[in-house]
Amino acid sequence: MIELKSLSKTYSSKNGSSYEALKDIDLRVDDGDIYGIIGVSGAGKSTLVRCMNLLERPTAGQVLIDGEDITHYQGRHLFELRSRIGMIFQDFNLFTQRTVLKNVLFPLEIRHDGHSSALSRARELLELVGLSDMEDRYPSQLSGGQQQRVSIARALANRPSYLLCDELTSALDSLTTASILALLAEINRTLGVTIVIITHAMSVVQAVCNKVAVIDGSRIVEAGRVTEVFSSPQARITLQLLGLEPVTAAAPAAAGATGTINAHDPSDTKREVASDA
């Protein structure tokens, strides 16, 4: 189980200005969930998921994994934590000079697993994601969907309990997105991996998630089972994302009838500013 308690994240720049990306977040992801987190651009959703494995360190509050506060983990403890929490990104983050097989082998090499067992594990995962016949290809020889499948296989190499997905389908067409979501559902069902999905598409949440949290203005404005939240939305932003209320000129560009929003998250820029501080 992943729990966030009173979590806040503030970015500061060299000129003394600051930006509060997350404000007093309380969230619980139970074992076995496929949990969707959705919001308009700049709402803080990517920062939120990156706090779960401490790629971003919270300014205040706690991150608990299986009841253990990991907020101040460093060194070896942090390394071991991240082996339990796989992560997948929108832009795949594959090593272009390594073959498909060697990309999947990489996390196992870092842990100094025996070559024979590592090779067996990598090939097992390539079979799981449907790429057994492509182990000697390079990322540039693959389609976007195939590259994302390699990323998924690599993220599963260390047998994580949790899989964090940051806009993993944003760069994919609708048919490829459907196949990737079906793969995630299979991984959740057969391997028991708990999955958190950051997405800008309501259709993704509806297709594969059992629970959802809506984030707006750096806060969680409502959360619960997908069927309940979508059938009886309480927050105005949820109504807008579902296309049930028009977006006013003063509101962020959110959802049309299809329920999609801009995939670019200005909080990325805030992270870059913070990293320079």
C-alpha atoms as a PDB file:
ATOM      1  CA  MET A   1       0.000   0.000   0.000  1.00  0.00           C
ATOM      2  CA  ILE A   2       1.152   3.519  -0.834  1.00  0.00           C
ATOM      3  CA  GLU A   3       0.022   6.304   1.472  1.00  0.00           C
ATOM      4  CA  LEU A   4       0.622  10.024   1.162  1.00  0.00           C
ATOM      5  CA  LYS A   5      -0.063  12.001   4.323  1.00  0.00           C
ATOM      6  CA  SER A   6      -0.289  15.819   4.357  1.00  0.00           C
ATOM      7  CA  LEU A   7       2.162  15.851   1.444  1.00  0.00           C
ATOM      8  CA  SER A   8       3.349  19.195   0.068  1.00  0.00           C
ATOM      9  CA  LYS A   9       6.007  20.143  -2.466  1.00  0.00           C
ATOM     10  CA  THR A  10       7.318  23.660  -3.041  1.00  0.00           C
ATOM     11  CA  TYR A  11       9.872  24.582  -5.683  1.00  0.00           C
ATOM     12  CA  SER A  12      12.129  27.567  -5.080  1.00  0.00           C
ATOM     13  CA  SER A  13      14.245  29.450  -7.614  1.00  0.00           C
ATOM     14  CA  LYS A  14      17.453  31.453  -7.283  1.00  0.00           C
ATOM     15  CA  ASN A  15      15.592  34.769  -7.396  1.00  0.00           C
ATOM     16  CA  GLY A  16      13.631  33.874  -4.270  1.00  0.00           C
ATOM     17  CA  SER A  17      10.301  33.084  -5.920  1.00  0.00           C
ATOM     18  CA  SER A  18       8.518  29.840  -5.132  1.00  0.00           C
ATOM     19  CA  TYR A  19       5.821  27.603  -6.578  1.00  0.00           C
ATOM     20  CA  GLU A  20       3.685  25.212  -4.531  1.00  0.00           C
ATOM     21  CA  ALA A  21       3.155  22.189  -6.778  1.00  0.00           C
ATOM     22  CA  LEU A  22       1.398  20.060  -4.147  1.00  0.00           C
ATOM     23  CA  LYS A  23      -0.624  21.216  -1.143  1.00  0.00           C
ATOM     24  CA  ASP A  24      -1.558  18.967   1.781  1.00  0.00           C
ATOM     25  CA  ILE A  25      -2.151  15.790  -0.273  1.00  0.00           C
ATOM     26  CA  ASP A  26      -3.731  12.756   1.391  1.00  0.00           C
ATOM     27  CA  LEU A  27      -3.988   9.688  -0.836  1.00  0.00           C
ATOM     28  CA  ARG A  28      -4.076   5.925  -0.366  1.00  0.00           C
ATOM     29  CA  VAL A  29      -3.376   3.334  -3.056  1.00  0.00           C
ATOM     30  CA  ASP A  30      -4.318  -0.151  -1.901  1.00  0.00           C
ATOM     31  CA  ASP A  31      -2.535  -3.304  -2.992  1.00  0.00           C
ATOM     32  CA  GLY A  32      -3.995  -4.553  -6.272  1.00  0.00           C
ATOM     33  CA  ASP A  33      -5.317  -1.170  -7.403  1.00  0.00           C
ATOM     34  CA  ILE A  34      -4.930   0.342 -10.829  1.00  0.00           C
ATOM     35  CA  TYR A  35      -5.168   3.917  -9.611  1.00  0.00           C
ATOM     36  CA  GLY A  36      -5.581   6.828 -12.011  1.00  0.00           C
ATOM     37  CA  ILE A  37      -4.543  10.396 -11.186  1.00  0.00           C
ATOM     38  CA  ILE A  38      -5.879  13.056 -13.530  1.00  0.00           C
ATOM     39  CA  GLY A  39      -5.927  16.847 -13.712  1.00  0.00           C
ATOM     40  CA  VAL A  40      -5.376  19.771 -16.032  1.00  0.00           C
ATOM     41  CA  SER A  41      -1.903  20.899 -17.065  1.00  0.00           C
ATOM     42  CA  GLY A  42       0.094  22.247 -14.138  1.00  0.00           C
ATOM     43  CA  ALA A  43      -2.201  20.718 -11.520  1.00  0.00           C
ATOM     44  CA  GLY A  44       0.714  18.773  -9.987  1.00  0.00           C
ATOM     45  CA  LYS A  45      -0.061  15.212 -11.049  1.00  0.00           C
ATOM     46  CA  SER A  46       3.425  14.384 -12.366  1.00  0.00           C
ATOM     47  CA  THR A  47       5.052  15.856  -9.267  1.00  0.00           C
ATOM     48  CA  LEU A  48       2.710  13.733  -7.157  1.00  0.00           C
ATOM     49  CA  VAL A  49       3.699  10.423  -8.725  1.00  0.00           C
ATOM     50  CA  ARG A  50       7.410  11.338  -8.625  1.00  0.00           C
ATOM     51  CA  CYS A  51       7.126  11.877  -4.882  1.00  0.00           C
ATOM     52  CA  MET A  52       6.017   8.264  -4.477  1.00  0.00           C
ATOM     53  CA  ASN A  53       9.515   6.953  -5.252  1.00  0.00           C
ATOM     54  CA  LEU A  54      11.358  10.103  -4.110  1.00  0.00           C
ATOM     55  CA  LEU A  55      12.419  11.246  -7.562  1.00  0.00           C
ATOM     56  CA  GLU A  56      10.984  14.416  -6.060  1.00  0.00           C
ATOM     57  CA  ARG A  57      11.437  14.903  -2.331  1.00  0.00           C
ATOM     58  CA  PRO A  58       8.414  16.336  -0.525  1.00  0.00           C
ATOM     59  CA  THR A  59       8.802  19.644   1.263  1.00  0.00           C
ATOM     60  CA  ALA A  60       6.444  18.445   4.004  1.00  0.00           C
ATOM     61  CA  GLY A  61       4.395  15.379   4.862  1.00  0.00           C
ATOM     62  CA  GLN A  62       5.040  11.657   4.556  1.00  0.00           C
ATOM     63  CA  VAL A  63       5.263   8.942   1.929  1.00  0.00           C
ATOM     64  CA  LEU A  64       4.571   5.506   3.380  1.00  0.00           C
ATOM     65  CA  ILE A  65       5.198   2.248   1.513  1.00  0.00           C
ATOM     66  CA  ASP A  66       3.631  -0.775   3.191  1.00  0.00           C
ATOM     67  CA  GLY A  67       3.311   1.282   6.370  1.00  0.00           C
ATOM     68  CA  GLU A  68       6.965   2.403   6.436  1.00  0.00           C
ATOM     69  CA  ASP A  69       7.836   6.104   6.177  1.00  0.00           C
ATOM     70  CA  ILE A  70      10.356   6.348   3.337  1.00  0.00           C
ATOM     71  CA  THR A  71      10.471  10.147   3.133  1.00  0.00           C
ATOM     72  CA  HIS A  72      14.033  10.470   4.409  1.00  0.00           C
ATOM     73  CA  TYR A  73      15.544   7.411   2.716  1.00  0.00           C
ATOM     74  CA  GLN A  74      19.059   7.869   1.345  1.00  0.00           C
ATOM     75  CA  GLY A  75      21.789   5.707  -0.169  1.00  0.00           C
ATOM     76  CA  ARG A  76      21.283   1.963  -0.013  1.00  0.00           C
ATOM     77  CA  HIS A  77      17.799   2.255   1.478  1.00  0.00           C
ATOM     78  CA  LEU A  78      16.715   4.457  -1.420  1.00  0.00           C
ATOM     79  CA  PHE A  79      18.275   2.085  -3.960  1.00  0.00           C
ATOM     80  CA  GLU A  80      16.409  -0.875  -2.473  1.00  0.00           C
ATOM     81  CA  LEU A  81      13.171   1.131  -2.393  1.00  0.00           C
ATOM     82  CA  ARG A  82      13.365   1.932  -6.082  1.00  0.00           C
ATOM     83  CA  SER A  83      13.875  -1.729  -6.918  1.00  0.00           C
ATOM     84  CA  ARG A  84      10.417  -2.276  -5.401  1.00  0.00           C
ATOM     85  CA  ILE A  85       8.828   0.548  -7.384  1.00  0.00           C
ATOM     86  CA  GLY A  86       9.142   0.399 -11.180  1.00  0.00           C
ATOM     87  CA  MET A  87       8.534   3.538 -13.242  1.00  0.00           C
ATOM     88  CA  ILE A  88       7.537   4.141 -16.868  1.00  0.00           C
ATOM     89  CA  PHE A  89       7.774   7.482 -18.654  1.00  0.00           C
ATOM     90  CA  GLN A  90       6.046   9.057 -21.651  1.00  0.00           C
ATOM     91  CA  ASP A  91       9.270   9.305 -23.678  1.00  0.00           C
ATOM     92  CA  PHE A  92      10.347   5.677 -22.980  1.00  0.00           C
ATOM     93  CA  ASN A  93      13.862   6.591 -21.664  1.00  0.00           C
ATOM     94  CA  LEU A  94      15.498   3.647 -23.425  1.00  0.00           C
ATOM     95  CA  PHE A  95      19.237   3.384 -24.031  1.00  0.00           C
ATOM     96  CA  THR A  96      19.599   3.947 -27.772  1.00  0.00           C
ATOM     97  CA  GLN A  97      22.949   2.141 -28.012  1.00  0.00           C
ATOM     98  CA  ARG A  98      21.682  -1.008 -26.281  1.00  0.00           C
ATOM     99  CA  THR A  99      19.533  -3.696 -27.847  1.00  0.00           C
ATOM    100  CA  VAL A 100      16.048  -4.473 -26.598  1.00  0.00           C
ATOM    101  CA  LEU A 101      17.401  -7.391 -24.563  1.00  0.00           C
ATOM    102  CA  LYS A 102      20.220  -5.343 -23.050  1.00  0.00           C
ATOM    103  CA  ASN A 103      17.790  -2.547 -22.121  1.00  0.00           C
ATOM    104  CA  VAL A 104      15.754  -5.030 -20.092  1.00  0.00           C
ATOM    105  CA  LEU A 105      18.926  -6.533 -18.617  1.00  0.00           C
ATOM    106  CA  PHE A 106      20.165  -3.166 -17.350  1.00  0.00           C
ATOM    107  CA  PRO A 107      18.419  -3.119 -13.907  1.00  0.00           C
ATOM    108  CA  LEU A 108      19.557  -6.692 -13.297  1.00  0.00           C
ATOM    109  CA  GLU A 109      23.156  -5.784 -14.158  1.00  0.00           C
ATOM    110  CA  ILE A 110      23.058  -2.950 -11.624  1.00  0.00           C
ATOM    111  CA  ARG A 111      21.994  -5.448  -8.960  1.00  0.00           C
ATOM    112  CA  HIS A 112      24.772  -7.824 -10.075  1.00  0.00           C
ATOM    113  CA  ASP A 113      22.402 -10.701 -10.716  1.00  0.00           C
ATOM    114  CA  GLY A 114      24.044 -13.775 -12.216  1.00  0.00           C
ATOM    115  CA  HIS A 115      24.206 -13.581 -16.003  1.00  0.00           C
ATOM    116  CA  SER A 116      22.274 -16.776 -16.616  1.00  0.00           C
ATOM    117  CA  SER A 117      19.385 -15.905 -14.276  1.00  0.00           C
ATOM    118  CA  ALA A 118      19.305 -12.291 -15.517  1.00  0.00           C
ATOM    119  CA  LEU A 119      19.156 -13.445 -19.132  1.00  0.00           C
ATOM    120  CA  SER A 120      16.351 -15.860 -18.326  1.00  0.00           C
ATOM    121  CA  ARG A 121      14.395 -13.150 -16.506  1.00  0.00           C
ATOM    122  CA  ALA A 122      14.832 -10.622 -19.346  1.00  0.00           C
ATOM    123  CA  ARG A 123      13.635 -13.098 -21.967  1.00  0.00           C
ATOM    124  CA  GLU A 124      10.693 -14.080 -19.779  1.00  0.00           C
ATOM    125  CA  LEU A 125       9.646 -10.419 -19.631  1.00  0.00           C
ATOM    126  CA  LEU A 126      10.072  -9.885 -23.369  1.00  0.00           C
ATOM    127  CA  GLU A 127       7.729 -12.810 -23.893  1.00  0.00           C
ATOM    128  CA  LEU A 128       5.256 -11.243 -21.457  1.00  0.00           C
ATOM    129  CA  VAL A 129       5.181  -7.966 -23.415  1.00  0.00           C
ATOM    130  CA  GLY A 130       5.077  -9.711 -26.809  1.00  0.00           C
ATOM    131  CA  LEU A 131       8.585  -8.875 -28.047  1.00  0.00           C
ATOM    132  CA  SER A 132      10.400 -12.217 -27.867  1.00  0.00           C
ATOM    133  CA  ASP A 133      11.385 -11.992 -31.526  1.00  0.00           C
ATOM    134  CA  MET A 134      12.882  -8.489 -31.225  1.00  0.00           C
ATOM    135  CA  GLU A 135      15.542  -8.889 -28.540  1.00  0.00           C
ATOM    136  CA  ASP A 136      18.407  -8.004 -30.924  1.00  0.00           C
ATOM    137  CA  ARG A 137      16.799  -4.857 -32.307  1.00  0.00           C
ATOM    138  CA  TYR A 138      17.619  -1.321 -31.213  1.00  0.00           C
ATOM    139  CA  PRO A 139      15.054   1.233 -29.989  1.00  0.00           C
ATOM    140  CA  SER A 140      15.297   3.195 -33.253  1.00  0.00           C
ATOM    141  CA  GLN A 141      14.047   0.100 -35.092  1.00  0.00           C
ATOM    142  CA  LEU A 142      10.869  -0.112 -33.001  1.00  0.00           C
ATOM    143  CA  SER A 143       7.515   1.651 -33.129  1.00  0.00           C
ATOM    144  CA  GLY A 144       6.435   3.856 -30.229  1.00  0.00           C
ATOM    145  CA  GLY A 145       4.214   1.131 -28.831  1.00  0.00           C
ATOM    146  CA  GLN A 146       7.017  -1.426 -29.023  1.00  0.00           C
ATOM    147  CA  GLN A 147       9.411   0.955 -27.269  1.00  0.00           C
ATOM    148  CA  GLN A 148       6.894   1.424 -24.476  1.00  0.00           C
ATOM    149  CA  ARG A 149       6.589  -2.351 -24.136  1.00  0.00           C
ATOM    150  CA  VAL A 150      10.368  -2.545 -23.685  1.00  0.00           C
ATOM    151  CA  SER A 151      10.088   0.148 -21.002  1.00  0.00           C
ATOM    152  CA  ILE A 152       7.418  -1.883 -19.231  1.00  0.00           C
ATOM    153  CA  ALA A 153       9.548  -5.039 -19.385  1.00  0.00           C
ATOM    154  CA  ARG A 154      12.549  -3.161 -17.991  1.00  0.00           C
ATOM    155  CA  ALA A 155      10.442  -1.652 -15.177  1.00  0.00           C
ATOM    156  CA  LEU A 156       9.363  -5.173 -14.174  1.00  0.00           C
ATOM    157  CA  ALA A 157      12.859  -6.657 -14.193  1.00  0.00           C
ATOM    158  CA  ASN A 158      13.366  -6.466 -10.418  1.00  0.00           C
ATOM    159  CA  ARG A 159       9.903  -7.877  -9.659  1.00  0.00           C
ATOM    160  CA  PRO A 160       8.518  -4.645  -8.195  1.00  0.00           C
ATOM    161  CA  SER A 161       5.377  -4.513  -6.107  1.00  0.00           C
ATOM    162  CA  TYR A 162       4.391  -1.163  -7.612  1.00  0.00           C
ATOM    163  CA  LEU A 163       4.484   0.300 -11.104  1.00  0.00           C
ATOM    164  CA  LEU A 164       4.266   4.083 -11.576  1.00  0.00           C
ATOM    165  CA  CYS A 165       3.253   5.261 -15.045  1.00  0.00           C
ATOM    166  CA  ASP A 166       3.741   8.927 -15.946  1.00  0.00           C
ATOM    167  CA  GLU A 167       1.746   9.695 -19.111  1.00  0.00           C
ATOM    168  CA  LEU A 168       2.834   6.383 -20.632  1.00  0.00           C
ATOM    169  CA  THR A 169       0.298   6.515 -23.510  1.00  0.00           C
ATOM    170  CA  SER A 170       0.441  10.232 -24.367  1.00  0.00           C
ATOM    171  CA  ALA A 171       2.683   9.717 -27.392  1.00  0.00           C
ATOM    172  CA  LEU A 172       0.725   6.728 -28.736  1.00  0.00           C
ATOM    173  CA  ASP A 173      -2.222   6.388 -31.108  1.00  0.00           C
ATOM    174  CA  SER A 174      -5.553   5.114 -29.850  1.00  0.00           C
ATOM    175  CA  LEU A 175      -5.134   1.497 -30.969  1.00  0.00           C
ATOM    176  CA  THR A 176      -1.645   1.236 -29.494  1.00  0.00           C
ATOM    177  CA  THR A 177      -2.903   2.863 -26.298  1.00  0.00           C
ATOM    178  CA  ALA A 178      -5.618   0.217 -26.017  1.00  0.00           C
ATOM    179  CA  SER A 179      -3.061  -2.589 -26.395  1.00  0.00           C
ATOM    180  CA  ILE A 180      -0.751  -1.062 -23.772  1.00  0.00           C
ATOM    181  CA  LEU A 181      -3.629  -0.652 -21.314  1.00  0.00           C
ATOM    182  CA  ALA A 182      -4.637  -4.283 -21.904  1.00  0.00           C
ATOM    183  CA  LEU A 183      -1.055  -5.301 -21.126  1.00  0.00           C
ATOM    184  CA  LEU A 184      -1.091  -3.300 -17.868  1.00  0.00           C
ATOM    185  CA  ALA A 185      -4.371  -4.931 -16.867  1.00  0.00           C
ATOM    186  CA  GLU A 186      -2.814  -8.351 -17.516  1.00  0.00           C
ATOM    187  CA  ILE A 187       0.265  -7.459 -15.446  1.00  0.00           C
ATOM    188  CA  ASN A 188      -1.958  -6.295 -12.600  1.00  0.00           C
ATOM    189  CA  ARG A 189      -4.068  -9.449 -12.779  1.00  0.00           C
ATOM    190  CA  THR A 190      -1.369 -12.083 -13.262  1.00  0.00           C
ATOM    191  CA  LEU A 191       1.597 -10.604 -11.384  1.00  0.00           C
ATOM    192  CA  GLY A 192      -0.339  -8.768  -8.675  1.00  0.00           C
ATOM    193  CA  VAL A 193       1.498  -5.508  -9.339  1.00  0.00           C
ATOM    194  CA  THR A 194      -0.210  -2.379  -8.010  1.00  0.00           C
ATOM    195  CA  ILE A 195      -0.274   0.307 -10.718  1.00  0.00           C
ATOM    196  CA  VAL A 196      -0.546   4.105 -10.536  1.00  0.00           C
ATOM    197  CA  ILE A 197      -1.303   5.883 -13.820  1.00  0.00           C
ATOM    198  CA  ILE A 198      -0.830   9.607 -14.406  1.00  0.00           C
ATOM    199  CA  THR A 199      -2.816  10.526 -17.503  1.00  0.00           C
ATOM    200  CA  HIS A 200      -4.365  13.449 -19.331  1.00  0.00           C
ATOM    201  CA  ALA A 201      -7.050  11.240 -20.896  1.00  0.00           C
ATOM    202  CA  MET A 202     -10.288  10.394 -19.144  1.00  0.00           C
ATOM    203  CA  SER A 203     -10.649   7.450 -21.527  1.00  0.00           C
ATOM    204  CA  VAL A 204      -7.536   5.835 -20.024  1.00  0.00           C
ATOM    205  CA  VAL A 205      -8.986   6.043 -16.512  1.00  0.00           C
ATOM    206  CA  GLN A 206     -12.320   4.674 -17.683  1.00  0.00           C
ATOM    207  CA  ALA A 207     -10.696   1.818 -19.591  1.00  0.00           C
ATOM    208  CA  VAL A 208      -8.370   0.360 -16.982  1.00  0.00           C
ATOM    209  CA  CYS A 209      -8.506   2.032 -13.546  1.00  0.00           C
ATOM    210  CA  ASN A 210     -10.609   0.912 -10.595  1.00  0.00           C
ATOM    211  CA  LYS A 211      -9.941   4.084  -8.587  1.00  0.00           C
ATOM    212  CA  VAL A 212      -9.213   7.706  -9.485  1.00  0.00           C
ATOM    213  CA  ALA A 213      -8.072  10.922  -7.848  1.00  0.00           C
ATOM    214  CA  VAL A 214      -8.751  14.306  -9.442  1.00  0.00           C
ATOM    215  CA  ILE A 215      -6.120  16.951  -8.738  1.00  0.00           C
ATOM    216  CA  ASP A 216      -6.763  20.673  -9.197  1.00  0.00           C
ATOM    217  CA  GLY A 217      -4.792  23.669  -7.981  1.00  0.00           C
ATOM    218  CA  SER A 218      -2.178  21.333  -6.453  1.00  0.00           C
ATOM    219  CA  ARG A 219      -4.805  19.623  -4.255  1.00  0.00           C
ATOM    220  CA  ILE A 220      -6.832  16.408  -4.484  1.00  0.00           C
ATOM    221  CA  VAL A 221     -10.401  17.631  -4.944  1.00  0.00           C
ATOM    222  CA  GLU A 222     -12.073  14.234  -5.046  1.00  0.00           C
ATOM    223  CA  ALA A 223     -11.115  10.578  -5.071  1.00  0.00           C
ATOM    224  CA  GLY A 224     -12.745   7.181  -4.994  1.00  0.00           C
ATOM    225  CA  ARG A 225     -13.876   4.340  -7.192  1.00  0.00           C
ATOM    226  CA  VAL A 226     -14.041   5.277 -10.852  1.00  0.00           C
ATOM    227  CA  THR A 227     -17.676   4.234 -11.153  1.00  0.00           C
ATOM    228  CA  GLU A 228     -18.679   6.399  -8.205  1.00  0.00           C
ATOM    229  CA  VAL A 229     -16.634   9.495  -9.073  1.00  0.00           C
ATOM    230  CA  PHE A 230     -17.664   9.488 -12.723  1.00  0.00           C
ATOM    231  CA  SER A 231     -21.325   8.744 -12.066  1.00  0.00           C
ATOM    232  CA  SER A 232     -21.664  11.391  -9.357  1.00  0.00           C
ATOM    233  CA  PRO A 233     -18.849  13.967  -9.721  1.00  0.00           C
ATOM    234  CA  GLN A 234     -18.702  16.565  -6.949  1.00  0.00           C
ATOM    235  CA  ALA A 235     -15.911  18.937  -8.008  1.00  0.00           C
ATOM    236  CA  ARG A 236     -16.386  21.440 -10.802  1.00  0.00           C
ATOM    237  CA  ILE A 237     -13.123  20.410 -12.466  1.00  0.00           C
ATOM    238  CA  THR A 238     -14.332  16.798 -12.611  1.00  0.00           C
ATOM    239  CA  LEU A 239     -17.513  17.922 -14.326  1.00  0.00           C
ATOM    240  CA  GLN A 240     -15.399  19.847 -16.839  1.00  0.00           C
ATOM    241  CA  LEU A 241     -13.063  16.926 -17.440  1.00  0.00           C
ATOM    242  CA  LEU A 242     -16.070  14.714 -18.088  1.00  0.00           C
ATOM    243  CA  GLY A 243     -17.543  17.259 -20.476  1.00  0.00           C
ATOM    244  CA  LEU A 244     -20.586  17.766 -18.235  1.00  0.00           C
ATOM    245  CA  GLU A 245     -19.912  21.457 -17.662  1.00  0.00           C
ATOM    246  CA  PRO A 246     -18.460  23.971 -20.121  1.00  0.00           C
ATOM    247  CA  VAL A 247     -14.982  25.316 -19.544  1.00  0.00           C
ATOM    248  CA  THR A 248     -15.087  29.078 -19.004  1.00  0.00           C
ATOM    249  CA  ALA A 249     -12.521  31.511 -20.369  1.00  0.00           C
ATOM    250  CA  ALA A 250     -11.112  31.913 -16.856  1.00  0.00           C
ATOM    251  CA  ALA A 251     -10.662  28.181 -16.342  1.00  0.00           C
ATOM    252  CA  PRO A 252      -7.683  26.122 -17.567  1.00  0.00           C
ATOM    253  CA  ALA A 253      -8.057  24.439 -20.949  1.00  0.00           C
ATOM    254  CA  ALA A 254      -9.357  21.074 -19.847  1.00  0.00           C
ATOM    255  CA  ALA A 255     -11.680  18.669 -21.584  1.00  0.00           C
ATOM    256  CA  GLY A 256     -13.903  18.696 -24.577  1.00  0.00           C
ATOM    257  CA  ALA A 257     -16.410  15.984 -25.322  1.00  0.00           C
ATOM    258  CA  THR A 258     -13.612  13.424 -25.468  1.00  0.00           C
ATOM    259  CA  GLY A 259     -12.396  14.245 -21.991  1.00  0.00           C
ATOM    260  CA  THR A 260      -8.747  14.904 -22.851  1.00  0.00           C
ATOM    261  CA  ILE A 261      -6.471  17.666 -21.700  1.00  0.00           C
ATOM    262  CA  ASN A 262      -3.157  19.144 -22.713  1.00  0.00           C
ATOM    263  CA  ALA A 263      -0.385  16.640 -22.057  1.00  0.00           C
ATOM    264  CA  HIS A 264       2.258  19.285 -21.319  1.00  0.00           C
ATOM    265  CA  ASP A 265       2.646  19.915 -17.605  1.00  0.00           C
ATOM    266  CA  PRO A 266       4.171  23.275 -16.673  1.00  0.00           C
ATOM    267  CA  SER A 267       5.295  21.701 -13.414  1.00  0.00           C
ATOM    268  CA  ASP A 268       8.062  20.145 -15.520  1.00  0.00           C
ATOM    269  CA  THR A 269       9.406  23.663 -16.002  1.00  0.00           C
ATOM    270  CA  LYS A 270       9.124  24.278 -12.271  1.00  0.00           C
ATOM    271  CA  ARG A 271      11.188  21.144 -11.634  1.00  0.00           C
ATOM    272  CA  GLU A 272      13.872  22.393 -14.005  1.00  0.00           C
ATOM    273  CA  VAL A 273      13.993  25.722 -12.173  1.00  0.00           C
ATOM    274  CA  ALA A 274      14.227  23.911  -8.858  1.00  0.00           C
ATOM    275  CA  SER A 275      17.050  21.656 -10.048  1.00  0.00           C
ATOM    276  CA  ASP A 276      19.102  24.752 -10.886  1.00  0.00           C
ATOM    277  CA  ALA A 277      18.585  26.244  -7.444  1.00  0.00           C
END
